[in-house]
Amino acid sequence: MQSGKLVRFLFVYTIIGLIGSYIIVTLFPNLLDRNHSQIEIKQVLPDATLPRPTTMGPVSYADAVAAAAPAVVNIHTTKVITQRINPFFDDPRLRQFFGDVIRPRKRVENSLGSGVIISSNGYILTNNHVIKDADEILVALQDGRTIQATIVGIDSETDIAVLKIALIDLPSIVLGESELLRVGDVVLAIGNPFNVGQTVTLGIVSAKGRSQLGINTFENFIQTDAAINPGNSGGALVNAHGHLIGINTAIFSKSGGSQGIGFAIPAAIAKRVMEDILQFGHVVRGWLGIAPQDITPQLAESFGYKDTVGVVVAGVLRKGPADMAGIQPGDIITHIDGKPVPDSATALNLISTNKPGDKLSIDFLRKGKKLSTVAEVTQRPAPGRNKSRG
């Protein structure tokens, strides 16, 4: 009798245990594997709850184009090229027989570009390479007028040139704040590509502060994917309001045409260059008389330096500002005027933006020891005459 009760007892509790196990396995599987990692899944929200952009782009950029396009001009240049004759024909006896046949031959070379009217009394910004060595410069306005231009001044180190035409009451562009640009902002390139006539292309700001491209001495380019082609050089890069934020300058291309990588000089730099040219006849830049060099891992190792931030002073001009301040070849400059110096391009820009007479604090390392000094900036020599870069 007792054995029968025991069998029923075990049967009932076995059934209860099986039911409990089924519930745990089915409804709470994670309880059986405490090492099971949690996976966070980010689910896309329904369209109605998606965050909306803070600003909405216009349906059309026609207003921006209407505001900026009249101030963008076509520039046609003419250059007379003298072909050198073979030195063999310099012999006076040959000249006696051949006469005019061996005279140097001349040919006319034409090129085109774009420019931007920056003031109503006829001042125009363009690229130096657009008008370099030109014997004649013709400016064609959007209204059909064509007039000869004169060169007010050039700056080969930023590839900026200032022209002047003898007209008044011209449509001029509004300068924008290129320093406030953000990657992703919409931009329009206006110019005269391939001489087809004024053309507008659309893109965005792809990057800012592009340097070390080997295009100019001073590089701080806006990169854009707005189509820029030969003939666009010197033209306007404008924002969605039609304000000038850059001067189109160069393209990166293997084919010679646009591949979505174009570069423009920020309007703030172009404006500063133009103001110096108009006031002084040339650009005034600071100079310390040093040759800065980027620190490679190999250089850092040779100097016993554990970082690659900073620049090595490869050379110092004797009796120059840096020499007078105690800077020596082999010193590693880490900060200029309190600002970090990650590479030689930054060092060059930090020095050149100062005016002669300004004093710059320089923090540097010498044989691992931290030192600092103050140097008085002087005028940067003209290109080709400076023996050191910074």
Protein backbone atom coordinates (compact mmCIF):
# COMPACT_ATOMS: atom_id res chain seq x y z
CA MET A 1 0.00 0.00 0.00
CA GLN A 2 2.80 2.38 0.97
CA SER A 3 4.74 1.41 -2.16
CA GLY A 4 1.73 2.39 -4.29
CA LYS A 5 1.57 5.83 -2.65
CA LEU A 6 5.30 6.27 -3.22
CA VAL A 7 4.93 5.45 -6.94
CA ARG A 8 2.08 7.95 -7.32
CA PHE A 9 4.10 10.59 -5.45
CA LEU A 10 7.12 10.16 -7.70
CA PHE A 11 4.97 10.15 -10.85
CA VAL A 12 3.21 13.41 -9.90
CA TYR A 13 6.43 15.26 -9.07
CA THR A 14 8.13 13.95 -12.21
CA ILE A 15 5.30 15.34 -14.31
CA ILE A 16 5.56 18.70 -12.47
CA GLY A 17 9.33 18.79 -13.07
CA LEU A 18 8.95 18.10 -16.78
CA ILE A 19 6.32 20.83 -17.14
CA GLY A 20 8.56 23.30 -15.28
CA SER A 21 11.57 22.44 -17.44
CA TYR A 22 9.51 22.94 -20.61
CA ILE A 23 8.38 26.37 -19.42
CA ILE A 24 11.96 27.47 -18.59
CA VAL A 25 13.43 26.22 -21.88
CA THR A 26 10.63 27.77 -23.94
CA LEU A 27 10.14 31.12 -22.23
CA PHE A 28 13.52 31.82 -20.52
CA PRO A 29 16.29 30.25 -22.66
CA ASN A 30 18.93 32.80 -21.51
CA LEU A 31 18.74 31.40 -17.98
CA LEU A 32 20.42 28.22 -19.22
CA ASP A 33 23.43 30.12 -20.77
CA ARG A 34 24.79 32.79 -18.46
CA ASN A 35 27.75 33.46 -20.80
CA HIS A 36 25.47 34.36 -23.71
CA SER A 37 26.47 37.88 -24.90
CA GLN A 38 23.76 40.47 -25.27
CA ILE A 39 23.25 41.81 -28.83
CA GLU A 40 22.01 45.35 -29.16
CA ILE A 41 19.94 45.85 -32.29
CA LYS A 42 19.29 49.41 -33.44
CA GLN A 43 16.00 49.43 -35.23
CA VAL A 44 15.13 52.10 -37.76
CA LEU A 45 12.38 54.32 -36.42
CA PRO A 46 9.15 54.74 -38.37
CA ASP A 47 9.32 57.62 -40.88
CA ALA A 48 7.01 59.76 -38.77
CA THR A 49 9.49 59.76 -35.87
CA LEU A 50 12.75 60.17 -37.83
CA PRO A 51 14.76 63.28 -36.81
CA ARG A 52 14.44 66.02 -39.40
CA PRO A 53 17.39 68.18 -40.61
CA THR A 54 17.61 71.58 -38.97
CA THR A 55 17.82 73.30 -42.37
CA MET A 56 16.07 72.37 -45.58
CA GLY A 57 17.71 72.97 -48.95
CA PRO A 58 15.90 75.01 -51.58
CA VAL A 59 14.23 73.37 -54.53
CA SER A 60 16.20 75.66 -56.86
CA TYR A 61 19.50 77.58 -56.66
CA ALA A 62 18.44 80.00 -59.39
CA ASP A 63 18.38 82.95 -56.97
CA ALA A 64 21.96 82.24 -55.87
CA VAL A 65 23.08 82.02 -59.50
CA ALA A 66 21.19 85.21 -60.41
CA ALA A 67 22.99 87.05 -57.60
CA ALA A 68 26.51 85.77 -58.38
CA ALA A 69 26.70 85.05 -62.13
CA PRO A 70 26.73 88.67 -63.39
CA ALA A 71 29.96 89.24 -61.42
CA VAL A 72 31.76 86.26 -63.01
CA VAL A 73 33.72 87.14 -66.16
CA ASN A 74 35.54 85.26 -68.91
CA ILE A 75 39.23 86.02 -69.31
CA HIS A 76 41.01 85.58 -72.65
CA THR A 77 44.78 86.00 -72.76
CA THR A 78 47.21 86.31 -75.65
CA LYS A 79 50.88 85.49 -75.41
CA VAL A 80 53.49 85.93 -78.15
CA ILE A 81 55.94 83.02 -78.15
CA THR A 82 59.31 83.48 -79.84
CA GLN A 83 60.68 80.21 -81.15
CA ARG A 84 64.38 79.90 -80.62
CA ILE A 85 66.41 79.16 -83.75
CA ASN A 86 69.19 76.61 -83.93
CA PRO A 87 72.54 78.12 -82.78
CA PHE A 88 73.98 76.80 -86.04
CA PHE A 89 72.22 79.66 -87.86
CA ASP A 90 73.99 82.29 -85.71
CA ASP A 91 76.93 82.06 -88.10
CA PRO A 92 77.13 85.46 -89.92
CA ARG A 93 78.02 83.74 -93.21
CA LEU A 94 74.82 81.66 -93.08
CA ARG A 95 72.81 84.77 -92.27
CA GLN A 96 74.29 86.45 -95.33
CA PHE A 97 72.90 83.73 -97.56
CA PHE A 98 69.61 82.88 -95.82
CA GLY A 99 68.65 86.30 -94.45
CA ASP A 100 65.04 86.45 -93.24
CA VAL A 101 64.62 82.70 -93.52
CA ILE A 102 66.54 82.09 -90.29
CA ARG A 103 65.03 84.90 -88.27
CA PRO A 104 63.33 83.79 -85.02
CA ARG A 105 59.71 82.88 -85.64
CA LYS A 106 56.87 84.09 -83.47
CA ARG A 107 53.56 82.48 -82.78
CA VAL A 108 50.53 83.62 -80.79
CA GLU A 109 49.25 81.43 -77.97
CA ASN A 110 45.73 81.95 -76.62
CA SER A 111 44.32 80.67 -73.34
CA LEU A 112 41.19 81.18 -71.31
CA GLY A 113 40.03 81.34 -67.74
CA SER A 114 37.56 83.07 -65.47
CA GLY A 115 37.50 85.86 -62.93
CA VAL A 116 35.27 87.49 -60.33
CA ILE A 117 34.38 91.18 -60.13
CA ILE A 118 35.08 92.06 -56.53
CA SER A 119 34.10 95.77 -56.60
CA SER A 120 31.84 97.89 -58.75
CA ASN A 121 34.73 100.09 -59.91
CA GLY A 122 36.39 97.29 -61.86
CA TYR A 123 38.69 95.23 -59.62
CA ILE A 124 38.74 91.54 -60.53
CA LEU A 125 40.13 88.49 -58.71
CA THR A 126 41.50 85.58 -60.72
CA ASN A 127 44.34 83.06 -60.64
CA ASN A 128 47.91 84.10 -61.34
CA HIS A 129 48.36 81.14 -63.67
CA VAL A 130 45.46 82.37 -65.81
CA ILE A 131 47.22 85.63 -66.75
CA LYS A 132 50.88 84.70 -66.23
CA ASP A 133 53.21 86.11 -68.94
CA ALA A 134 50.23 87.34 -70.97
CA ASP A 135 50.83 90.14 -73.46
CA GLU A 136 47.14 91.00 -73.66
CA ILE A 137 44.25 90.31 -71.28
CA LEU A 138 40.66 90.67 -72.44
CA VAL A 139 37.73 90.47 -70.02
CA ALA A 140 34.30 89.49 -71.34
CA LEU A 141 31.37 90.46 -69.11
CA GLN A 142 28.11 88.58 -68.89
CA ASP A 143 26.29 91.45 -70.60
CA GLY A 144 28.41 90.99 -73.74
CA ARG A 145 30.90 93.82 -73.25
CA THR A 146 34.61 93.08 -73.77
CA ILE A 147 37.40 95.27 -72.43
CA GLN A 148 41.14 95.11 -71.96
CA ALA A 149 42.41 94.59 -68.40
CA THR A 150 45.61 95.63 -66.65
CA ILE A 151 47.41 93.71 -63.91
CA VAL A 152 47.33 95.47 -60.54
CA GLY A 153 49.41 92.84 -58.77
CA ILE A 154 50.06 89.12 -58.42
CA ASP A 155 50.93 86.68 -55.68
CA SER A 156 52.48 83.54 -57.13
CA GLU A 157 52.67 81.88 -53.71
CA THR A 158 48.86 81.68 -53.43
CA ASP A 159 48.18 81.84 -57.19
CA ILE A 160 46.09 85.00 -56.86
CA ALA A 161 46.08 87.94 -59.28
CA VAL A 162 44.22 91.27 -59.13
CA LEU A 163 43.14 92.89 -62.42
CA LYS A 164 41.52 96.26 -63.18
CA ILE A 165 39.17 97.24 -65.98
CA ALA A 166 38.17 100.81 -66.81
CA LEU A 167 34.44 100.47 -66.17
CA ILE A 168 32.23 101.61 -63.32
CA ASP A 169 28.91 100.57 -61.81
CA LEU A 170 29.69 96.92 -62.44
CA PRO A 171 27.84 94.03 -60.79
CA SER A 172 30.07 92.83 -57.95
CA ILE A 173 29.87 89.67 -55.90
CA VAL A 174 29.11 89.51 -52.17
CA LEU A 175 31.93 88.03 -50.10
CA GLY A 176 30.89 85.14 -47.88
CA GLU A 177 32.54 83.85 -44.72
CA SER A 178 34.65 80.95 -45.94
CA GLU A 179 35.87 80.26 -42.39
CA LEU A 180 32.34 79.19 -41.41
CA LEU A 181 32.02 76.60 -44.18
CA ARG A 182 31.21 73.06 -43.11
CA VAL A 183 31.92 69.83 -44.91
CA GLY A 184 28.65 68.94 -46.61
CA ASP A 185 27.59 72.52 -47.39
CA VAL A 186 26.20 73.01 -50.89
CA VAL A 187 28.43 75.01 -53.27
CA LEU A 188 28.14 76.19 -56.89
CA ALA A 189 31.09 76.62 -59.28
CA ILE A 190 30.64 79.36 -61.89
CA GLY A 191 33.07 79.83 -64.77
CA ASN A 192 33.82 79.29 -68.44
CA PRO A 193 34.92 75.65 -68.88
CA PHE A 194 36.36 74.78 -72.31
CA ASN A 195 35.18 78.21 -73.53
CA VAL A 196 31.62 76.94 -73.96
CA GLY A 197 30.28 79.98 -72.12
CA GLN A 198 29.34 80.71 -68.53
CA THR A 199 28.43 77.46 -66.78
CA VAL A 200 27.18 76.58 -63.30
CA THR A 201 27.89 73.24 -61.61
CA LEU A 202 26.66 71.97 -58.26
CA GLY A 203 28.38 70.05 -55.48
CA ILE A 204 29.25 70.11 -51.81
CA VAL A 205 32.25 71.00 -49.70
CA SER A 206 34.14 67.70 -49.69
CA ALA A 207 36.92 68.77 -47.30
CA LYS A 208 38.56 71.86 -45.83
CA GLY A 209 42.15 72.86 -45.22
CA ARG A 210 43.67 70.70 -47.94
CA SER A 211 47.44 71.28 -48.14
CA GLN A 212 50.71 69.66 -49.23
CA LEU A 213 49.34 69.16 -52.74
CA GLY A 214 52.35 70.75 -54.39
CA ILE A 215 50.23 73.39 -56.16
CA ASN A 216 51.16 76.57 -54.27
CA THR A 217 53.59 77.60 -51.55
CA PHE A 218 50.70 78.45 -49.24
CA GLU A 219 47.89 75.92 -49.44
CA ASN A 220 44.65 75.86 -47.48
CA PHE A 221 42.21 74.68 -50.13
CA ILE A 222 38.49 74.04 -50.06
CA GLN A 223 37.89 70.70 -51.78
CA THR A 224 34.65 70.25 -53.70
CA ASP A 225 33.02 67.74 -56.02
CA ALA A 226 31.35 70.50 -58.06
CA ALA A 227 32.59 69.91 -61.61
CA ILE A 228 35.61 72.13 -62.32
CA ASN A 229 37.26 71.90 -65.74
CA PRO A 230 39.91 73.81 -67.72
CA GLY A 231 38.61 77.35 -68.11
CA ASN A 232 37.03 77.39 -64.65
CA SER A 233 40.28 78.61 -63.08
CA GLY A 234 39.79 81.98 -61.43
CA GLY A 235 36.02 81.60 -61.36
CA ALA A 236 33.70 81.75 -58.39
CA LEU A 237 32.81 79.08 -55.85
CA VAL A 238 29.68 80.37 -54.13
CA ASN A 239 27.42 79.11 -51.37
CA ALA A 240 23.66 78.51 -51.62
CA HIS A 241 23.05 82.24 -51.12
CA GLY A 242 25.31 83.28 -54.02
CA HIS A 243 28.07 84.61 -51.75
CA LEU A 244 31.70 84.09 -52.80
CA ILE A 245 33.47 81.55 -50.62
CA GLY A 246 36.33 80.53 -52.92
CA ILE A 247 38.30 81.10 -56.14
CA ASN A 248 38.37 77.93 -58.23
CA THR A 249 41.99 77.03 -58.84
CA ALA A 250 42.83 73.44 -59.66
CA ILE A 251 41.54 69.94 -60.31
CA PHE A 252 42.94 66.54 -59.48
CA SER A 253 42.53 64.51 -62.63
CA LYS A 254 44.18 61.74 -64.60
CA SER A 255 42.18 62.54 -67.71
CA GLY A 256 42.40 66.35 -67.72
CA GLY A 257 38.68 66.67 -66.96
CA SER A 258 36.63 66.80 -63.80
CA GLN A 259 36.73 63.71 -61.60
CA GLY A 260 34.95 65.19 -58.62
CA ILE A 261 38.07 66.53 -56.91
CA GLY A 262 38.43 70.28 -57.34
CA PHE A 263 40.20 72.86 -55.20
CA ALA A 264 39.39 76.49 -54.45
CA ILE A 265 41.29 79.18 -52.56
CA PRO A 266 39.14 80.35 -49.62
CA ALA A 267 37.66 83.81 -50.13
CA ALA A 268 39.17 85.01 -46.85
CA ILE A 269 42.69 84.30 -48.15
CA ALA A 270 41.98 85.85 -51.56
CA LYS A 271 40.58 88.98 -49.88
CA ARG A 272 43.63 89.32 -47.63
CA VAL A 273 45.98 88.97 -50.61
CA MET A 274 44.01 91.53 -52.61
CA GLU A 275 44.01 94.06 -49.76
CA ASP A 276 47.80 93.79 -49.38
CA ILE A 277 48.33 94.16 -53.12
CA LEU A 278 46.13 97.27 -53.24
CA GLN A 279 47.79 98.81 -50.18
CA PHE A 280 51.44 97.81 -50.55
CA GLY A 281 51.76 96.56 -54.13
CA HIS A 282 52.68 93.11 -52.84
CA VAL A 283 51.64 90.66 -50.12
CA VAL A 284 53.15 91.30 -46.71
CA ARG A 285 54.07 88.08 -44.92
CA GLY A 286 56.04 87.21 -41.83
CA TRP A 287 59.35 85.32 -42.01
CA LEU A 288 61.71 83.77 -39.50
CA GLY A 289 64.47 82.43 -41.74
CA ILE A 290 64.10 78.72 -41.04
CA ALA A 291 63.66 75.64 -43.22
CA PRO A 292 61.11 73.43 -41.42
CA GLN A 293 60.91 69.74 -42.23
CA ASP A 294 58.18 67.24 -41.33
CA ILE A 295 59.13 64.61 -38.77
CA THR A 296 59.03 61.09 -40.17
CA PRO A 297 59.19 58.03 -37.89
CA GLN A 298 62.78 57.53 -39.05
CA LEU A 299 63.73 61.11 -38.16
CA ALA A 300 61.98 60.85 -34.81
CA GLU A 301 63.96 57.70 -34.03
CA SER A 302 67.26 59.32 -35.01
CA PHE A 303 66.52 62.27 -32.69
CA GLY A 304 65.35 60.00 -29.89
CA TYR A 305 61.94 61.65 -30.14
CA LYS A 306 58.94 59.49 -29.23
CA ASP A 307 56.44 61.45 -31.35
CA THR A 308 56.09 62.71 -34.92
CA VAL A 309 54.29 65.93 -33.98
CA GLY A 310 56.29 69.08 -34.65
CA VAL A 311 58.82 70.10 -37.28
CA VAL A 312 62.58 69.70 -37.43
CA VAL A 313 64.57 72.84 -38.17
CA ALA A 314 66.61 71.66 -41.15
CA GLY A 315 68.34 75.01 -41.61
CA VAL A 316 68.57 78.49 -40.10
CA LEU A 317 69.53 81.62 -42.03
CA ARG A 318 72.52 83.27 -40.40
CA LYS A 319 71.56 86.51 -38.65
CA GLY A 320 67.92 85.90 -39.53
CA PRO A 321 65.10 86.31 -36.95
CA ALA A 322 65.21 82.68 -35.80
CA ASP A 323 69.01 82.71 -35.56
CA MET A 324 68.90 85.88 -33.46
CA ALA A 325 66.32 84.20 -31.20
CA GLY A 326 68.61 81.22 -30.59
CA ILE A 327 66.99 78.60 -32.83
CA GLN A 328 69.48 76.03 -34.13
CA PRO A 329 69.40 73.33 -36.83
CA GLY A 330 68.10 70.10 -35.32
CA ASP A 331 65.68 71.82 -32.93
CA ILE A 332 62.15 70.44 -32.97
CA ILE A 333 59.50 73.19 -32.95
CA THR A 334 56.29 72.03 -31.26
CA HIS A 335 54.33 75.29 -30.81
CA ILE A 336 54.30 78.72 -32.43
CA ASP A 337 52.50 81.48 -30.56
CA GLY A 338 50.89 78.82 -28.37
CA LYS A 339 49.44 76.89 -31.33
CA PRO A 340 50.53 73.29 -32.00
CA VAL A 341 52.65 72.67 -35.10
CA PRO A 342 51.79 69.24 -36.57
CA ASP A 343 53.66 69.75 -39.85
CA SER A 344 55.78 72.18 -41.89
CA ALA A 345 52.76 73.54 -43.83
CA THR A 346 51.14 74.62 -40.56
CA ALA A 347 54.40 76.19 -39.38
CA LEU A 348 54.69 78.15 -42.63
CA ASN A 349 51.11 79.44 -42.35
CA LEU A 350 51.46 80.39 -38.68
CA ILE A 351 54.59 82.40 -39.42
CA SER A 352 53.44 84.04 -42.65
CA THR A 353 50.14 85.37 -41.28
CA ASN A 354 52.10 87.74 -39.02
CA LYS A 355 53.33 91.17 -40.04
CA PRO A 356 56.93 92.40 -39.83
CA GLY A 357 57.67 93.56 -36.30
CA ASP A 358 55.31 91.07 -34.66
CA LYS A 359 56.84 88.92 -31.94
CA LEU A 360 56.25 85.16 -31.93
CA SER A 361 56.76 82.80 -29.02
CA ILE A 362 58.35 79.52 -30.09
CA ASP A 363 58.36 76.33 -28.01
CA PHE A 364 60.90 73.72 -29.09
CA LEU A 365 62.90 70.69 -28.04
CA ARG A 366 66.69 70.46 -28.10
CA LYS A 367 68.17 67.08 -27.27
CA GLY A 368 64.98 66.19 -25.41
CA LYS A 369 64.97 69.37 -23.32
CA LYS A 370 61.98 71.74 -23.53
CA LEU A 371 62.94 75.31 -24.35
CA SER A 372 61.17 78.48 -25.49
CA THR A 373 62.14 81.78 -27.09
CA VAL A 374 60.66 84.87 -28.72
CA ALA A 375 61.51 85.89 -32.30
CA GLU A 376 60.70 89.15 -34.06
CA VAL A 377 59.15 88.53 -37.48
CA THR A 378 60.57 90.27 -40.56
CA GLN A 379 59.29 90.65 -44.14
CA ARG A 380 59.30 87.46 -46.17
CA PRO A 381 61.62 87.85 -49.19
CA ALA A 382 60.14 87.73 -52.68
CA PRO A 383 59.77 84.22 -54.21
CA GLY A 384 63.03 82.98 -55.65
CA ARG A 385 65.15 85.08 -53.31
CA ASN A 386 64.36 83.49 -49.97
CA LYS A 387 66.88 80.89 -48.93
CA SER A 388 64.55 79.35 -46.39
CA ARG A 389 60.84 78.76 -46.43
CA GLY A 390 59.54 80.05 -43.09
